[in-house]
Amino acid sequence: MINVTTAADVDGDRGSNEIEVTVNNAEESTTLLGWVWTMASGSLAIVAAMSVLIVLVLMVRKKKVEGRLR
């Protein structure tokens, strides 16, 4: 993309400058994709850890209940 900027002073003298701007979004999209995968794997690890803790608590509770019934 080419951007042309024109300016004028109080005397009416004008000047302009042409600037070429190149935008490359490819790196940003791979960074975003990496961030999404990191968040997904982190969330999965948290869910797995919580599931293991719940199962352990239920097993301990079951052992205590069985002990009272005997």
N, C-alpha and C. Protein backbone atom coordinates (compact mmCIF):
# COMPACT_ATOMS: atom_id res chain seq x y z
N MET A 1 0.85 -1.16 0.00
CA MET A 1 0.00 0.00 0.00
C MET A 1 0.91 1.23 0.00
N ILE A 2 0.51 2.21 -0.77
CA ILE A 2 1.28 3.46 -0.83
C ILE A 2 0.43 4.57 -0.25
N ASN A 3 1.03 5.33 0.66
CA ASN A 3 0.34 6.43 1.31
C ASN A 3 1.03 7.72 0.91
N VAL A 4 0.25 8.70 0.41
CA VAL A 4 0.81 10.00 0.05
C VAL A 4 0.25 11.02 1.03
N THR A 5 1.15 11.75 1.67
CA THR A 5 0.75 12.77 2.63
C THR A 5 1.15 14.13 2.08
N THR A 6 0.20 15.07 2.12
CA THR A 6 0.45 16.43 1.63
C THR A 6 0.20 17.40 2.77
N ALA A 7 1.08 18.39 2.92
CA ALA A 7 0.93 19.40 3.96
C ALA A 7 1.14 20.77 3.35
N ALA A 8 0.51 21.77 3.96
CA ALA A 8 0.66 23.15 3.49
C ALA A 8 0.92 24.04 4.71
N ASP A 9 1.77 25.06 4.52
CA ASP A 9 2.00 26.00 5.61
C ASP A 9 1.12 27.23 5.45
N VAL A 10 1.26 28.21 6.34
CA VAL A 10 0.40 29.39 6.30
C VAL A 10 0.60 30.23 5.05
N ASP A 11 1.77 30.13 4.42
CA ASP A 11 2.04 30.89 3.19
C ASP A 11 1.49 30.18 1.96
N GLY A 12 0.97 28.97 2.12
CA GLY A 12 0.42 28.23 0.98
C GLY A 12 1.44 27.33 0.32
N ASP A 13 2.66 27.28 0.86
CA ASP A 13 3.65 26.36 0.31
C ASP A 13 3.23 24.94 0.64
N ARG A 14 3.32 24.08 -0.35
CA ARG A 14 2.89 22.69 -0.15
C ARG A 14 4.07 21.74 -0.32
N GLY A 15 3.95 20.64 0.38
CA GLY A 15 4.94 19.58 0.25
C GLY A 15 4.24 18.24 0.40
N SER A 16 4.80 17.23 -0.20
CA SER A 16 4.18 15.90 -0.08
C SER A 16 5.28 14.85 0.06
N ASN A 17 4.89 13.73 0.59
CA ASN A 17 5.82 12.63 0.78
C ASN A 17 5.06 11.34 0.52
N GLU A 18 5.71 10.43 -0.17
CA GLU A 18 5.10 9.15 -0.48
C GLU A 18 5.78 8.07 0.35
N ILE A 19 4.98 7.27 1.06
CA ILE A 19 5.51 6.21 1.92
C ILE A 19 4.86 4.89 1.52
N GLU A 20 5.67 3.86 1.32
CA GLU A 20 5.14 2.54 1.02
C GLU A 20 5.09 1.73 2.31
N VAL A 21 3.92 1.16 2.60
CA VAL A 21 3.71 0.38 3.82
C VAL A 21 3.36 -1.04 3.42
N THR A 22 4.09 -2.01 3.99
CA THR A 22 3.82 -3.42 3.74
C THR A 22 3.39 -4.07 5.05
N VAL A 23 2.25 -4.76 5.01
CA VAL A 23 1.73 -5.43 6.20
C VAL A 23 1.85 -6.93 6.00
N ASN A 24 2.48 -7.60 6.99
CA ASN A 24 2.63 -9.05 6.94
C ASN A 24 1.99 -9.62 8.20
N ASN A 25 0.80 -10.21 8.07
CA ASN A 25 0.08 -10.76 9.21
C ASN A 25 0.33 -12.25 9.40
N ALA A 26 1.15 -12.87 8.59
CA ALA A 26 1.36 -14.32 8.68
C ALA A 26 1.94 -14.72 10.03
N GLU A 27 2.89 -13.98 10.54
CA GLU A 27 3.51 -14.32 11.82
C GLU A 27 2.51 -14.18 12.95
N GLU A 28 1.69 -13.18 12.91
CA GLU A 28 0.70 -12.97 13.96
C GLU A 28 -0.29 -14.13 14.03
N SER A 29 -0.71 -14.64 12.88
CA SER A 29 -1.69 -15.73 12.90
C SER A 29 -1.07 -17.01 13.48
N THR A 30 0.20 -17.26 13.22
CA THR A 30 0.82 -18.45 13.80
C THR A 30 1.03 -18.26 15.30
N THR A 31 1.31 -17.03 15.71
CA THR A 31 1.43 -16.75 17.14
C THR A 31 0.09 -16.95 17.83
N LEU A 32 -0.97 -16.48 17.21
CA LEU A 32 -2.31 -16.64 17.77
C LEU A 32 -2.68 -18.11 17.84
N LEU A 33 -2.37 -18.86 16.79
CA LEU A 33 -2.68 -20.29 16.77
C LEU A 33 -1.91 -21.01 17.88
N GLY A 34 -0.66 -20.67 18.08
CA GLY A 34 0.13 -21.26 19.17
C GLY A 34 -0.47 -20.95 20.52
N TRP A 35 -0.95 -19.71 20.70
CA TRP A 35 -1.57 -19.32 21.96
C TRP A 35 -2.86 -20.12 22.20
N VAL A 36 -3.65 -20.31 21.15
CA VAL A 36 -4.90 -21.06 21.28
C VAL A 36 -4.60 -22.51 21.68
N TRP A 37 -3.60 -23.13 21.05
CA TRP A 37 -3.25 -24.51 21.40
C TRP A 37 -2.73 -24.60 22.84
N THR A 38 -1.96 -23.61 23.26
CA THR A 38 -1.44 -23.60 24.63
C THR A 38 -2.58 -23.50 25.63
N MET A 39 -3.53 -22.62 25.37
CA MET A 39 -4.67 -22.47 26.27
C MET A 39 -5.53 -23.73 26.29
N ALA A 40 -5.73 -24.35 25.12
CA ALA A 40 -6.54 -25.57 25.06
C ALA A 40 -5.88 -26.71 25.83
N SER A 41 -4.59 -26.87 25.66
CA SER A 41 -3.90 -27.96 26.36
C SER A 41 -3.85 -27.68 27.86
N GLY A 42 -3.69 -26.44 28.25
CA GLY A 42 -3.71 -26.09 29.67
C GLY A 42 -5.07 -26.36 30.30
N SER A 43 -6.12 -26.02 29.57
CA SER A 43 -7.48 -26.27 30.07
C SER A 43 -7.73 -27.77 30.19
N LEU A 44 -7.27 -28.52 29.22
CA LEU A 44 -7.43 -29.98 29.27
C LEU A 44 -6.68 -30.57 30.46
N ALA A 45 -5.50 -30.08 30.74
CA ALA A 45 -4.72 -30.57 31.88
C ALA A 45 -5.43 -30.26 33.20
N ILE A 46 -6.02 -29.08 33.30
CA ILE A 46 -6.76 -28.72 34.51
C ILE A 46 -7.97 -29.62 34.70
N VAL A 47 -8.72 -29.86 33.63
CA VAL A 47 -9.90 -30.73 33.72
C VAL A 47 -9.48 -32.14 34.11
N ALA A 48 -8.39 -32.65 33.55
CA ALA A 48 -7.91 -33.99 33.88
C ALA A 48 -7.50 -34.07 35.35
N ALA A 49 -6.79 -33.08 35.84
CA ALA A 49 -6.36 -33.07 37.24
C ALA A 49 -7.56 -33.01 38.19
N MET A 50 -8.54 -32.20 37.86
CA MET A 50 -9.74 -32.11 38.70
C MET A 50 -10.51 -33.43 38.68
N SER A 51 -10.56 -34.08 37.53
CA SER A 51 -11.24 -35.38 37.44
C SER A 51 -10.57 -36.42 38.32
N VAL A 52 -9.26 -36.45 38.31
CA VAL A 52 -8.52 -37.40 39.15
C VAL A 52 -8.78 -37.12 40.63
N LEU A 53 -8.78 -35.85 41.00
CA LEU A 53 -9.06 -35.51 42.40
C LEU A 53 -10.47 -35.91 42.81
N ILE A 54 -11.44 -35.71 41.95
CA ILE A 54 -12.81 -36.10 42.26
C ILE A 54 -12.92 -37.61 42.44
N VAL A 55 -12.29 -38.37 41.55
CA VAL A 55 -12.32 -39.83 41.66
C VAL A 55 -11.66 -40.27 42.97
N LEU A 56 -10.54 -39.68 43.32
CA LEU A 56 -9.87 -40.04 44.57
C LEU A 56 -10.74 -39.73 45.79
N VAL A 57 -11.37 -38.59 45.80
CA VAL A 57 -12.25 -38.22 46.92
C VAL A 57 -13.41 -39.20 47.02
N LEU A 58 -14.00 -39.56 45.88
CA LEU A 58 -15.11 -40.51 45.90
C LEU A 58 -14.66 -41.89 46.37
N MET A 59 -13.46 -42.32 46.01
CA MET A 59 -12.96 -43.62 46.46
C MET A 59 -12.75 -43.62 47.98
N VAL A 60 -12.16 -42.55 48.50
CA VAL A 60 -11.94 -42.44 49.95
C VAL A 60 -13.28 -42.42 50.68
N ARG A 61 -14.23 -41.68 50.15
CA ARG A 61 -15.56 -41.60 50.76
C ARG A 61 -16.23 -42.98 50.78
N LYS A 62 -16.11 -43.71 49.66
CA LYS A 62 -16.70 -45.04 49.57
C LYS A 62 -16.08 -45.97 50.63
N LYS A 63 -14.75 -45.90 50.78
CA LYS A 63 -14.06 -46.74 51.78
C LYS A 63 -14.58 -46.41 53.19
N LYS A 64 -14.78 -45.13 53.48
CA LYS A 64 -15.26 -44.74 54.81
C LYS A 64 -16.68 -45.24 55.05
N VAL A 65 -17.54 -45.14 54.02
CA VAL A 65 -18.93 -45.60 54.15
C VAL A 65 -18.97 -47.12 54.33
N GLU A 66 -18.16 -47.83 53.56
CA GLU A 66 -18.12 -49.29 53.67
C GLU A 66 -17.62 -49.71 55.05
N GLY A 67 -16.69 -48.98 55.61
CA GLY A 67 -16.16 -49.27 56.93
C GLY A 67 -17.21 -49.11 58.02
N ARG A 68 -18.12 -48.16 57.87
CA ARG A 68 -19.17 -47.93 58.85
C ARG A 68 -20.25 -48.99 58.80
N LEU A 69 -20.48 -49.55 57.61
CA LEU A 69 -21.55 -50.53 57.43
C LEU A 69 -21.18 -51.89 57.98
N ARG A 70 -19.95 -52.20 58.13
CA ARG A 70 -19.52 -53.55 58.58
C ARG A 70 -19.60 -53.71 60.04
